[in-house]
Every structure is written in C-alpha cells, then in structure tokens.
C-alpha cells in the first residue's frame, strides 16, 4: 500500500474536477489542466476530497499498477495546486557580461559568453519574467515550468572549477572544486 497514494486531497473552493475514464480535467481560477492516467487507478471525488485507489481486481494487484498509485495522486495534487496557486522557479545569471533580455512573455534572449546570443522560447502555458539578472519562470503546469527552467539552465550550467559562472537556480549551492596543481 502506498502511503502517499492513500492520502486524500482536499478540494479547494472554485475548483472543478471532471473524470472521464482515465482522463482527468481540473478547472480553477488560473486555467484548466487535463491529463490522462494509466488504467488500474481509480480517482473518486467524495465529501469534498479527491481519493486515488487501486482498481478492484481478482487476485493479487500487479506490481506495475501498485507503483503508479502514489504517482497518480501526486499528479492530481499538482494539477489542483497549479490551477489555484500556480508554480514558479527562479534562475539567476552569474558571470561577467552575462545578460538576459525579454522579447515576449514566452521568449528571452541570453548572452552568456558564447560568440552569439541564445534565443529561448518556453513551453506552452509558461511565462518568463526578467528582473535584472534573474529569470522567473511561472505557469500552472508543474512539469512544463520545471522543464523550461531546466532547459534554460542547460544553456550555460555553472562552472565548478573557476568562479561558478553560469545559469543556476536561486539558492542553488555550487561547490567550487580545486583544480590540478603543478608538482613541485
């Protein structure tokens, strides 16, 4: 039995959930999210709570089905949080001459030490805001926000051997390593 999968999710006011077979759509003040889930997990709304349970089968429940129980519950919870509060990740540019400029809500231009600038367009439903040397990636889909932030960071990851220059998450601890030393 999954400890996470068995926890009920409280349904906040203003959130509507529609379950159609293996597809769940969640509608809230920030927008609408829709996701398909594998068969074998039943999602039920009871007494203002959303509960995920393993489907009733004869005999033993397959291990692959039990492994998805907690995952489905976490994904439904992330959908509910996304349409009510939203998600955001912040990145910062550290380095001499490293700059970022905003083109549109979903486009930025990075100047991070290459001979050319790098244009980045985010995934659908994700907005990017530039504040000085910081980039704030926000949206209602946690997966898209995290993927967009990871793709921006991958343009120029922090250097571990020099000064830590690069793109990193705000609050990320980059350990600076000692380089090779000449033998005396």
Protein backbone atom coordinates (compact mmCIF):
# COMPACT_ATOMS: atom_id res chain seq x y z
CA UNK A 1 0.00 0.00 0.00
CA UNK A 2 1.26 3.44 -0.94
CA UNK A 3 1.40 5.94 1.91
CA UNK A 4 1.22 8.87 -0.49
CA UNK A 5 -1.42 7.26 -2.70
CA UNK A 6 -3.78 6.75 0.22
CA UNK A 7 -3.74 10.39 1.39
CA UNK A 8 -6.90 12.25 0.36
CA UNK A 9 -6.60 15.62 -1.42
CA UNK A 10 -8.82 18.40 -0.08
CA UNK A 11 -10.69 20.11 -2.90
CA UNK A 12 -10.46 23.92 -2.55
CA UNK A 13 -13.39 26.19 -3.38
CA UNK A 14 -13.67 27.19 -7.01
CA UNK A 15 -12.02 24.05 -8.38
CA UNK A 16 -13.99 21.73 -10.65
CA UNK A 17 -12.82 18.21 -11.47
CA UNK A 18 -14.20 16.09 -14.29
CA UNK A 19 -13.29 12.43 -14.55
CA UNK A 20 -13.88 10.73 -17.90
CA UNK A 21 -12.47 7.21 -17.83
CA UNK A 22 -8.71 7.62 -17.50
CA UNK A 23 -8.72 11.35 -18.28
CA UNK A 24 -8.98 13.97 -15.55
CA UNK A 25 -9.53 17.67 -16.19
CA UNK A 26 -9.17 20.26 -13.43
CA UNK A 27 -10.53 23.78 -13.84
CA UNK A 28 -9.71 26.65 -11.48
CA UNK A 29 -9.16 30.41 -11.37
CA UNK A 30 -5.78 30.21 -13.20
CA UNK A 31 -6.88 27.93 -16.03
CA UNK A 32 -7.59 24.34 -17.00
CA UNK A 33 -5.33 21.29 -16.98
CA UNK A 34 -6.05 17.89 -18.48
CA UNK A 35 -4.08 14.67 -18.10
CA UNK A 36 -4.50 11.00 -18.96
CA UNK A 37 -3.55 8.32 -16.48
CA UNK A 38 -2.83 4.62 -16.90
CA UNK A 39 -5.67 2.21 -16.19
CA UNK A 40 -5.79 0.48 -12.84
CA UNK A 41 -6.02 3.57 -10.63
CA UNK A 42 -9.48 4.87 -9.74
CA UNK A 43 -9.85 8.56 -8.92
CA UNK A 44 -13.03 9.34 -6.97
CA UNK A 45 -14.48 12.55 -5.52
CA UNK A 46 -16.12 12.04 -2.10
CA UNK A 47 -17.13 14.61 0.55
CA UNK A 48 -15.06 17.44 -0.94
CA UNK A 49 -11.97 15.25 -1.20
CA UNK A 50 -10.26 13.52 -4.10
CA UNK A 51 -9.16 9.96 -3.40
CA UNK A 52 -6.99 7.68 -5.50
CA UNK A 53 -7.41 3.95 -5.06
CA UNK A 54 -6.19 0.83 -6.78
CA UNK A 55 -8.82 -0.68 -9.04
CA UNK A 56 -10.55 -3.78 -7.73
CA UNK A 57 -9.22 -6.89 -9.44
CA UNK A 58 -9.40 -10.58 -8.76
CA UNK A 59 -6.30 -11.96 -7.12
CA UNK A 60 -3.13 -10.01 -6.49
CA UNK A 61 -2.69 -6.47 -7.84
CA UNK A 62 0.21 -6.25 -10.33
CA UNK A 63 3.37 -4.55 -9.09
CA UNK A 64 3.40 -2.09 -12.02
CA UNK A 65 -0.09 -0.94 -11.04
CA UNK A 66 0.85 -0.52 -7.36
CA UNK A 67 3.92 1.51 -8.36
CA UNK A 68 1.72 4.11 -10.09
CA UNK A 69 -0.65 4.64 -7.13
CA UNK A 70 1.37 7.39 -5.41
CA UNK A 71 2.39 8.94 -8.74
CA UNK A 72 -1.22 9.43 -9.87
CA UNK A 73 -2.13 11.01 -6.52
CA UNK A 74 0.85 13.41 -6.74
CA UNK A 75 -0.02 14.38 -10.33
CA UNK A 76 -3.66 15.11 -9.40
CA UNK A 77 -2.49 17.16 -6.41
CA UNK A 78 -0.08 19.13 -8.64
CA UNK A 79 -2.93 19.84 -11.07
CA UNK A 80 -5.11 21.18 -8.24
CA UNK A 81 -2.32 23.34 -6.80
CA UNK A 82 -1.45 24.60 -10.30
CA UNK A 83 -4.94 25.86 -11.16
CA UNK A 84 -5.32 27.55 -7.76
CA UNK A 85 -1.85 28.94 -6.91
CA UNK A 86 0.47 28.16 -9.84
CA UNK A 87 4.15 27.22 -9.80
CA UNK A 88 7.33 29.23 -10.32
CA UNK A 89 11.08 28.70 -10.45
CA UNK A 90 13.73 31.40 -10.36
CA UNK A 91 17.10 31.33 -12.12
CA UNK A 92 19.99 33.76 -11.87
CA UNK A 93 22.86 34.59 -14.22
CA UNK A 94 26.26 34.89 -12.60
CA UNK A 95 29.27 35.94 -14.65
CA UNK A 96 30.98 38.93 -16.20
CA UNK A 97 28.94 40.20 -19.14
CA UNK A 98 26.13 37.66 -18.73
CA UNK A 99 22.81 39.31 -19.63
CA UNK A 100 19.22 38.34 -20.31
CA UNK A 101 16.58 40.31 -22.22
CA UNK A 102 12.87 39.63 -22.58
CA UNK A 103 11.35 39.52 -26.08
CA UNK A 104 7.81 38.45 -25.14
CA UNK A 105 6.01 36.63 -22.31
CA UNK A 106 7.39 33.32 -23.53
CA UNK A 107 10.67 34.37 -25.19
CA UNK A 108 14.03 35.52 -23.83
CA UNK A 109 17.46 36.22 -25.30
CA UNK A 110 20.51 35.06 -23.34
CA UNK A 111 24.01 36.49 -23.72
CA UNK A 112 26.14 34.08 -21.69
CA UNK A 113 29.67 34.09 -23.04
CA UNK A 114 29.14 32.49 -26.45
CA UNK A 115 30.00 34.25 -29.72
CA UNK A 116 26.27 34.51 -30.39
CA UNK A 117 23.12 35.16 -28.36
CA UNK A 118 20.81 32.30 -27.49
CA UNK A 119 17.06 32.73 -28.07
CA UNK A 120 14.78 30.56 -25.95
CA UNK A 121 11.03 30.03 -26.34
CA UNK A 122 9.29 28.34 -23.41
CA UNK A 123 6.79 25.51 -23.50
CA UNK A 124 3.08 26.39 -23.94
CA UNK A 125 1.42 27.91 -20.88
CA UNK A 126 4.72 29.05 -19.31
CA UNK A 127 5.56 32.73 -18.81
CA UNK A 128 9.03 34.15 -18.22
CA UNK A 129 9.73 37.45 -16.49
CA UNK A 130 13.16 39.13 -16.39
CA UNK A 131 14.26 41.19 -13.37
CA UNK A 132 17.86 42.36 -13.74
CA UNK A 133 19.96 39.19 -13.89
CA UNK A 134 17.11 36.94 -12.71
CA UNK A 135 14.59 34.93 -14.74
CA UNK A 136 11.28 33.93 -13.14
CA UNK A 137 9.59 31.02 -14.90
CA UNK A 138 5.93 30.56 -13.91
CA UNK A 139 2.82 28.71 -15.03
CA UNK A 140 0.08 26.32 -13.94
CA UNK A 141 1.65 23.05 -15.15
CA UNK A 142 4.47 21.98 -12.80
CA UNK A 143 6.01 19.71 -15.42
CA UNK A 144 6.26 22.47 -18.05
CA UNK A 145 7.62 25.03 -15.56
CA UNK A 146 10.35 22.63 -14.38
CA UNK A 147 11.23 21.54 -17.92
CA UNK A 148 11.52 25.14 -19.15
CA UNK A 149 13.71 26.11 -16.19
CA UNK A 150 15.95 23.07 -16.77
CA UNK A 151 16.33 23.90 -20.48
CA UNK A 152 17.34 27.49 -19.66
CA UNK A 153 19.89 26.26 -17.11
CA UNK A 154 21.29 23.80 -19.66
CA UNK A 155 22.26 26.69 -21.97
CA UNK A 156 25.19 27.51 -19.64
CA UNK A 157 25.38 25.38 -16.46
CA UNK A 158 27.55 26.73 -13.60
CA UNK A 159 31.29 26.12 -13.84
CA UNK A 160 32.66 24.10 -10.93
CA UNK A 161 36.37 24.79 -11.44
CA UNK A 162 36.59 28.54 -11.84
CA UNK A 163 34.22 31.08 -10.34
CA UNK A 164 30.83 29.35 -10.55
CA UNK A 165 29.77 31.48 -13.53
CA UNK A 166 26.71 30.31 -15.41
CA UNK A 167 22.95 29.98 -15.02
CA UNK A 168 21.76 28.47 -11.75
CA UNK A 169 18.60 28.19 -9.68
CA UNK A 170 18.22 30.87 -6.99
CA UNK A 171 19.58 29.37 -3.80
CA UNK A 172 21.44 26.57 -5.58
CA UNK A 173 24.75 25.80 -3.91
CA UNK A 174 27.52 25.38 -6.49
CA UNK A 175 30.61 23.79 -4.98
CA UNK A 176 33.79 25.24 -6.44
CA UNK A 177 36.38 22.47 -6.89
CA UNK A 178 40.12 22.83 -6.62
CA UNK A 179 41.87 22.38 -9.95
CA UNK A 180 45.03 20.39 -10.59
CA UNK A 181 48.21 21.78 -9.06
CA UNK A 182 51.68 21.52 -10.51
CA UNK A 183 54.02 19.14 -8.74
CA UNK A 184 56.96 20.89 -7.07
